[in-house]
Amino acid sequence: MSQLSELLERFRRGPELVATLLTGAAGPELDFVSAPGKWSVRQIVAHLSDSEVVGSDRFRRVIAEENPTLMWFDQDAWAAKLNYARRKTSESLETFRRLRAENYELLRELPEALFARTGTHSQRGPMTLLDLLEGYAAHAEGHARQIREVRDQYREARRQTSGQS
């Protein structure tokens, strides 16, 4: 399997990794925040969904346009103003799954040479299609680890609370 094939497979598996880590999470666990300024599981999944919307646009621009500008987005403003704390986790996960599947189908059919095409990120500068693919694969994996950590912290907080009763 080529390095690109392996990267595409990591990219494809992102939503299922997240879904597996969400198994059994419900109620207050979805809304638990470990510290001020940290996100809950519900907010993380909403962020993944919206980030995939942005990624969909970026992938298509780099494929179709000559050196497009790839705009930065303020994830904290999106979280606050798009009400991540109230989004339905199941719907966010389904949107993330659907968009990631569509992006995967688009990318896996491309000739390998197209992954060298570039766009210019408004903060990071030049980025290739391969850079974007690597970033979005790692993004889901990183947030999957974050979900696991938040759930572990929730269980620990509950254990401490029940031990004090």
C-alpha atoms as a PDB file:
ATOM      1  CA  MET A   1       0.000   0.000   0.000  1.00  0.00           C
ATOM      2  CA  SER A   2       1.424   3.384  -0.963  1.00  0.00           C
ATOM      3  CA  GLN A   3       1.946   6.197   1.509  1.00  0.00           C
ATOM      4  CA  LEU A   4      -0.931   8.113  -0.114  1.00  0.00           C
ATOM      5  CA  SER A   5      -3.220   5.080   0.131  1.00  0.00           C
ATOM      6  CA  GLU A   6      -2.386   4.712   3.819  1.00  0.00           C
ATOM      7  CA  LEU A   7      -3.070   8.410   4.417  1.00  0.00           C
ATOM      8  CA  LEU A   8      -6.384   8.204   2.565  1.00  0.00           C
ATOM      9  CA  GLU A   9      -7.344   5.214   4.703  1.00  0.00           C
ATOM     10  CA  ARG A  10      -6.527   7.124   7.907  1.00  0.00           C
ATOM     11  CA  PHE A  11      -8.618  10.009   6.587  1.00  0.00           C
ATOM     12  CA  ARG A  12     -11.531   7.690   5.750  1.00  0.00           C
ATOM     13  CA  ARG A  13     -11.512   6.053   9.190  1.00  0.00           C
ATOM     14  CA  GLY A  14     -11.666   9.314  11.173  1.00  0.00           C
ATOM     15  CA  PRO A  15     -15.434   9.418  11.734  1.00  0.00           C
ATOM     16  CA  GLU A  16     -15.588   5.763  12.747  1.00  0.00           C
ATOM     17  CA  LEU A  17     -12.805   6.299  15.250  1.00  0.00           C
ATOM     18  CA  VAL A  18     -14.818   9.162  16.744  1.00  0.00           C
ATOM     19  CA  ALA A  19     -18.063   7.134  16.650  1.00  0.00           C
ATOM     20  CA  THR A  20     -16.407   4.238  18.491  1.00  0.00           C
ATOM     21  CA  LEU A  21     -15.209   6.585  21.229  1.00  0.00           C
ATOM     22  CA  LEU A  22     -18.724   8.030  21.563  1.00  0.00           C
ATOM     23  CA  THR A  23     -20.260   4.628  22.289  1.00  0.00           C
ATOM     24  CA  GLY A  24     -22.260   4.877  25.497  1.00  0.00           C
ATOM     25  CA  ALA A  25     -21.786   8.626  25.965  1.00  0.00           C
ATOM     26  CA  ALA A  26     -25.029  10.382  26.823  1.00  0.00           C
ATOM     27  CA  GLY A  27     -26.636  13.007  29.020  1.00  0.00           C
ATOM     28  CA  PRO A  28     -24.327  14.959  31.302  1.00  0.00           C
ATOM     29  CA  GLU A  29     -21.258  13.150  29.987  1.00  0.00           C
ATOM     30  CA  LEU A  30     -21.707  14.847  26.591  1.00  0.00           C
ATOM     31  CA  ASP A  31     -21.756  18.259  28.277  1.00  0.00           C
ATOM     32  CA  PHE A  32     -18.990  17.758  30.846  1.00  0.00           C
ATOM     33  CA  VAL A  33     -16.269  20.422  30.622  1.00  0.00           C
ATOM     34  CA  SER A  34     -13.043  19.578  32.450  1.00  0.00           C
ATOM     35  CA  ALA A  35     -11.895  23.191  32.881  1.00  0.00           C
ATOM     36  CA  PRO A  36     -12.857  26.708  31.798  1.00  0.00           C
ATOM     37  CA  GLY A  37     -12.147  27.235  28.109  1.00  0.00           C
ATOM     38  CA  LYS A  38     -12.183  23.503  27.332  1.00  0.00           C
ATOM     39  CA  TRP A  39     -14.770  21.891  25.086  1.00  0.00           C
ATOM     40  CA  SER A  40     -17.286  19.201  25.940  1.00  0.00           C
ATOM     41  CA  VAL A  41     -17.677  16.043  23.867  1.00  0.00           C
ATOM     42  CA  ARG A  42     -20.782  17.613  22.262  1.00  0.00           C
ATOM     43  CA  GLN A  43     -18.765  20.686  21.242  1.00  0.00           C
ATOM     44  CA  ILE A  44     -15.873  18.625  19.895  1.00  0.00           C
ATOM     45  CA  VAL A  45     -18.167  16.620  17.617  1.00  0.00           C
ATOM     46  CA  ALA A  46     -19.924  19.793  16.392  1.00  0.00           C
ATOM     47  CA  HIS A  47     -16.485  21.253  15.655  1.00  0.00           C
ATOM     48  CA  LEU A  48     -15.497  18.167  13.663  1.00  0.00           C
ATOM     49  CA  SER A  49     -18.688  18.488  11.629  1.00  0.00           C
ATOM     50  CA  ASP A  50     -18.143  22.160  10.829  1.00  0.00           C
ATOM     51  CA  SER A  51     -14.432  21.653  10.182  1.00  0.00           C
ATOM     52  CA  GLU A  52     -15.326  19.048   7.582  1.00  0.00           C
ATOM     53  CA  VAL A  53     -17.574  21.633   5.892  1.00  0.00           C
ATOM     54  CA  VAL A  54     -14.558  23.950   5.694  1.00  0.00           C
ATOM     55  CA  GLY A  55     -12.355  21.081   4.504  1.00  0.00           C
ATOM     56  CA  SER A  56     -14.829  20.223   1.766  1.00  0.00           C
ATOM     57  CA  ASP A  57     -14.495  23.740   0.410  1.00  0.00           C
ATOM     58  CA  ARG A  58     -10.713  23.785   0.714  1.00  0.00           C
ATOM     59  CA  PHE A  59     -10.228  20.443  -1.050  1.00  0.00           C
ATOM     60  CA  ARG A  60     -12.444  21.489  -3.935  1.00  0.00           C
ATOM     61  CA  ARG A  61     -10.808  24.886  -4.337  1.00  0.00           C
ATOM     62  CA  VAL A  62      -7.308  23.408  -4.479  1.00  0.00           C
ATOM     63  CA  ILE A  63      -8.419  20.778  -6.995  1.00  0.00           C
ATOM     64  CA  ALA A  64     -10.379  23.146  -9.235  1.00  0.00           C
ATOM     65  CA  GLU A  65      -8.749  26.574  -8.944  1.00  0.00           C
ATOM     66  CA  GLU A  66      -5.264  27.922  -9.499  1.00  0.00           C
ATOM     67  CA  ASN A  67      -3.653  28.740  -6.135  1.00  0.00           C
ATOM     68  CA  PRO A  68      -6.872  29.655  -4.313  1.00  0.00           C
ATOM     69  CA  THR A  69      -6.952  31.466  -0.997  1.00  0.00           C
ATOM     70  CA  LEU A  70      -7.947  29.129   1.829  1.00  0.00           C
ATOM     71  CA  MET A  71      -9.498  31.210   4.566  1.00  0.00           C
ATOM     72  CA  TRP A  72      -8.763  30.674   8.236  1.00  0.00           C
ATOM     73  CA  PHE A  73     -11.783  30.341  10.485  1.00  0.00           C
ATOM     74  CA  ASP A  74     -12.098  31.286  14.145  1.00  0.00           C
ATOM     75  CA  GLN A  75     -13.092  27.991  15.750  1.00  0.00           C
ATOM     76  CA  ASP A  76     -13.966  29.630  19.078  1.00  0.00           C
ATOM     77  CA  ALA A  77     -16.294  32.136  17.397  1.00  0.00           C
ATOM     78  CA  TRP A  78     -17.906  29.291  15.468  1.00  0.00           C
ATOM     79  CA  ALA A  79     -18.335  27.286  18.675  1.00  0.00           C
ATOM     80  CA  ALA A  80     -19.996  30.203  20.452  1.00  0.00           C
ATOM     81  CA  LYS A  81     -22.056  31.712  17.644  1.00  0.00           C
ATOM     82  CA  LEU A  82     -23.094  28.434  16.024  1.00  0.00           C
ATOM     83  CA  ASN A  83     -24.141  27.119  19.431  1.00  0.00           C
ATOM     84  CA  TYR A  84     -21.968  24.004  19.638  1.00  0.00           C
ATOM     85  CA  ALA A  85     -23.074  23.510  23.260  1.00  0.00           C
ATOM     86  CA  ARG A  86     -26.656  22.832  22.099  1.00  0.00           C
ATOM     87  CA  ARG A  87     -26.049  20.843  18.911  1.00  0.00           C
ATOM     88  CA  LYS A  88     -27.298  17.276  18.744  1.00  0.00           C
ATOM     89  CA  THR A  89     -24.240  15.051  18.888  1.00  0.00           C
ATOM     90  CA  SER A  90     -25.854  12.372  16.730  1.00  0.00           C
ATOM     91  CA  GLU A  91     -26.580  14.897  13.965  1.00  0.00           C
ATOM     92  CA  SER A  92     -23.088  16.398  14.150  1.00  0.00           C
ATOM     93  CA  LEU A  93     -21.565  12.924  13.909  1.00  0.00           C
ATOM     94  CA  GLU A  94     -23.784  12.017  10.951  1.00  0.00           C
ATOM     95  CA  THR A  95     -22.834  15.220   9.110  1.00  0.00           C
ATOM     96  CA  PHE A  96     -19.158  14.554   9.813  1.00  0.00           C
ATOM     97  CA  ARG A  97     -19.508  10.969   8.535  1.00  0.00           C
ATOM     98  CA  ARG A  98     -21.374  11.988   5.378  1.00  0.00           C
ATOM     99  CA  LEU A  99     -19.056  14.835   4.425  1.00  0.00           C
ATOM    100  CA  ARG A 100     -15.933  12.824   5.184  1.00  0.00           C
ATOM    101  CA  ALA A 101     -17.232   9.969   3.007  1.00  0.00           C
ATOM    102  CA  GLU A 102     -17.905  12.403   0.157  1.00  0.00           C
ATOM    103  CA  ASN A 103     -14.473  13.987   0.564  1.00  0.00           C
ATOM    104  CA  TYR A 104     -12.833  10.567   0.635  1.00  0.00           C
ATOM    105  CA  GLU A 105     -14.600   9.506  -2.578  1.00  0.00           C
ATOM    106  CA  LEU A 106     -13.478  12.729  -4.253  1.00  0.00           C
ATOM    107  CA  LEU A 107      -9.861  12.411  -3.140  1.00  0.00           C
ATOM    108  CA  ARG A 108      -9.315   8.686  -3.642  1.00  0.00           C
ATOM    109  CA  GLU A 109     -10.070   8.928  -7.366  1.00  0.00           C
ATOM    110  CA  LEU A 110      -7.528  11.678  -8.031  1.00  0.00           C
ATOM    111  CA  PRO A 111      -4.223  10.994  -9.766  1.00  0.00           C
ATOM    112  CA  GLU A 112      -1.389  11.143  -7.236  1.00  0.00           C
ATOM    113  CA  ALA A 113       0.196  14.098  -9.065  1.00  0.00           C
ATOM    114  CA  LEU A 114      -2.799  16.314  -8.164  1.00  0.00           C
ATOM    115  CA  PHE A 115      -1.885  16.113  -4.478  1.00  0.00           C
ATOM    116  CA  ALA A 116       0.960  18.538  -5.259  1.00  0.00           C
ATOM    117  CA  ARG A 117      -1.529  21.290  -6.230  1.00  0.00           C
ATOM    118  CA  THR A 118      -1.428  24.258  -3.887  1.00  0.00           C
ATOM    119  CA  GLY A 119      -3.583  26.858  -2.262  1.00  0.00           C
ATOM    120  CA  THR A 120      -2.545  29.668   0.051  1.00  0.00           C
ATOM    121  CA  HIS A 121      -3.909  29.524   3.562  1.00  0.00           C
ATOM    122  CA  SER A 122      -4.637  32.999   4.911  1.00  0.00           C
ATOM    123  CA  GLN A 123      -2.508  32.317   8.031  1.00  0.00           C
ATOM    124  CA  ARG A 124      -0.298  29.311   7.239  1.00  0.00           C
ATOM    125  CA  GLY A 125       0.758  30.243   3.729  1.00  0.00           C
ATOM    126  CA  PRO A 126       1.168  27.747   0.856  1.00  0.00           C
ATOM    127  CA  MET A 127      -0.387  24.322   1.380  1.00  0.00           C
ATOM    128  CA  THR A 128      -0.625  21.384  -0.982  1.00  0.00           C
ATOM    129  CA  LEU A 129      -3.629  19.143  -1.337  1.00  0.00           C
ATOM    130  CA  LEU A 130      -1.493  16.490   0.382  1.00  0.00           C
ATOM    131  CA  ASP A 131      -0.882  18.905   3.295  1.00  0.00           C
ATOM    132  CA  LEU A 132      -4.628  19.408   3.628  1.00  0.00           C
ATOM    133  CA  LEU A 133      -5.284  15.668   3.545  1.00  0.00           C
ATOM    134  CA  GLU A 134      -2.636  15.055   6.225  1.00  0.00           C
ATOM    135  CA  GLY A 135      -4.053  17.850   8.359  1.00  0.00           C
ATOM    136  CA  TYR A 136      -7.630  16.637   8.198  1.00  0.00           C
ATOM    137  CA  ALA A 137      -6.636  13.018   8.889  1.00  0.00           C
ATOM    138  CA  ALA A 138      -4.685  14.128  11.966  1.00  0.00           C
ATOM    139  CA  HIS A 139      -7.477  16.509  13.005  1.00  0.00           C
ATOM    140  CA  ALA A 140     -10.007  13.713  13.500  1.00  0.00           C
ATOM    141  CA  GLU A 141      -7.434  11.534  15.260  1.00  0.00           C
ATOM    142  CA  GLY A 142      -6.459  14.361  17.607  1.00  0.00           C
ATOM    143  CA  HIS A 143     -10.047  15.112  18.529  1.00  0.00           C
ATOM    144  CA  ALA A 144     -10.721  11.394  19.027  1.00  0.00           C
ATOM    145  CA  ARG A 145      -7.944  11.398  21.658  1.00  0.00           C
ATOM    146  CA  GLN A 146      -9.497  14.519  23.171  1.00  0.00           C
ATOM    147  CA  ILE A 147     -12.916  12.811  23.392  1.00  0.00           C
ATOM    148  CA  ARG A 148     -11.324   9.843  25.170  1.00  0.00           C
ATOM    149  CA  GLU A 149      -9.601  12.207  27.626  1.00  0.00           C
ATOM    150  CA  VAL A 150     -12.788  14.178  28.356  1.00  0.00           C
ATOM    151  CA  ARG A 151     -14.727  10.961  28.956  1.00  0.00           C
ATOM    152  CA  ASP A 152     -11.976   9.683  31.268  1.00  0.00           C
ATOM    153  CA  GLN A 153     -12.036  12.992  33.162  1.00  0.00           C
ATOM    154  CA  TYR A 154     -15.827  12.780  33.455  1.00  0.00           C
ATOM    155  CA  ARG A 155     -15.627   9.284  34.939  1.00  0.00           C
ATOM    156  CA  GLU A 156     -12.932  10.410  37.362  1.00  0.00           C
ATOM    157  CA  ALA A 157     -14.996  13.441  38.438  1.00  0.00           C
ATOM    158  CA  ARG A 158     -18.020  11.195  39.017  1.00  0.00           C
ATOM    159  CA  ARG A 159     -15.955   8.715  40.975  1.00  0.00           C
ATOM    160  CA  GLN A 160     -14.614  11.510  43.186  1.00  0.00           C
ATOM    161  CA  THR A 161     -18.102  12.947  43.689  1.00  0.00           C
ATOM    162  CA  SER A 162     -19.625   9.571  44.589  1.00  0.00           C
ATOM    163  CA  GLY A 163     -16.702   8.847  46.946  1.00  0.00           C
ATOM    164  CA  GLN A 164     -17.439  12.041  48.897  1.00  0.00           C
ATOM    165  CA  SER A 165     -21.089  11.142  49.547  1.00  0.00           C
END
